[in-house]
Amino acid sequence: QLQLVESGGGFVHRGDSLTLSCAATESSLDSYALAWFRQAPGKEREAVGCISSGVPSTNYADFVKGRFTVSRNRAKNTVDLEMNSLEPEDTGVYYCTAIKGTIWINPSFDCNGMRSGVWGQGTQITVSS
């Protein structure tokens, strides 16, 4: 059974960059579509970006477009979230989730629809001002 482990979280300052990784134990992520979510204290969990299985396509929440990038690292069997120009509002616990099969991700696709998959335990990001 697929298990996901997020890593790379930490404490950073406004404007810094950070890359998170979502790794799978015992399974290849190639056949899974993945999404990154985040949850700030007192707020609901929200999607920040997602990537399809197969031919890679991505989409992002408006509030991270141009700053965050989701990509696959097949050599490491991870899906990474590169975050640039971090703001205090980006603080929260970041989770990855995976859904097996083909999901067509285009600019109109809402990554929030990917809540039914397998979840990791999350990694904390704190951005200070």
Foldseek 3Di string as FASTA:
>chain_A
DKAKAKDWADEEAAFAKTKMKIAIPPDAQQQKKKWKWWDDVPGDIATAKIWWHDPTDMEGDPVQPPFWDWDADRVRRIIMIIGGRDDQVPWGWMKMWIDGHGDDDDHVDGPRVRPPGHMHPTDTHGYHD
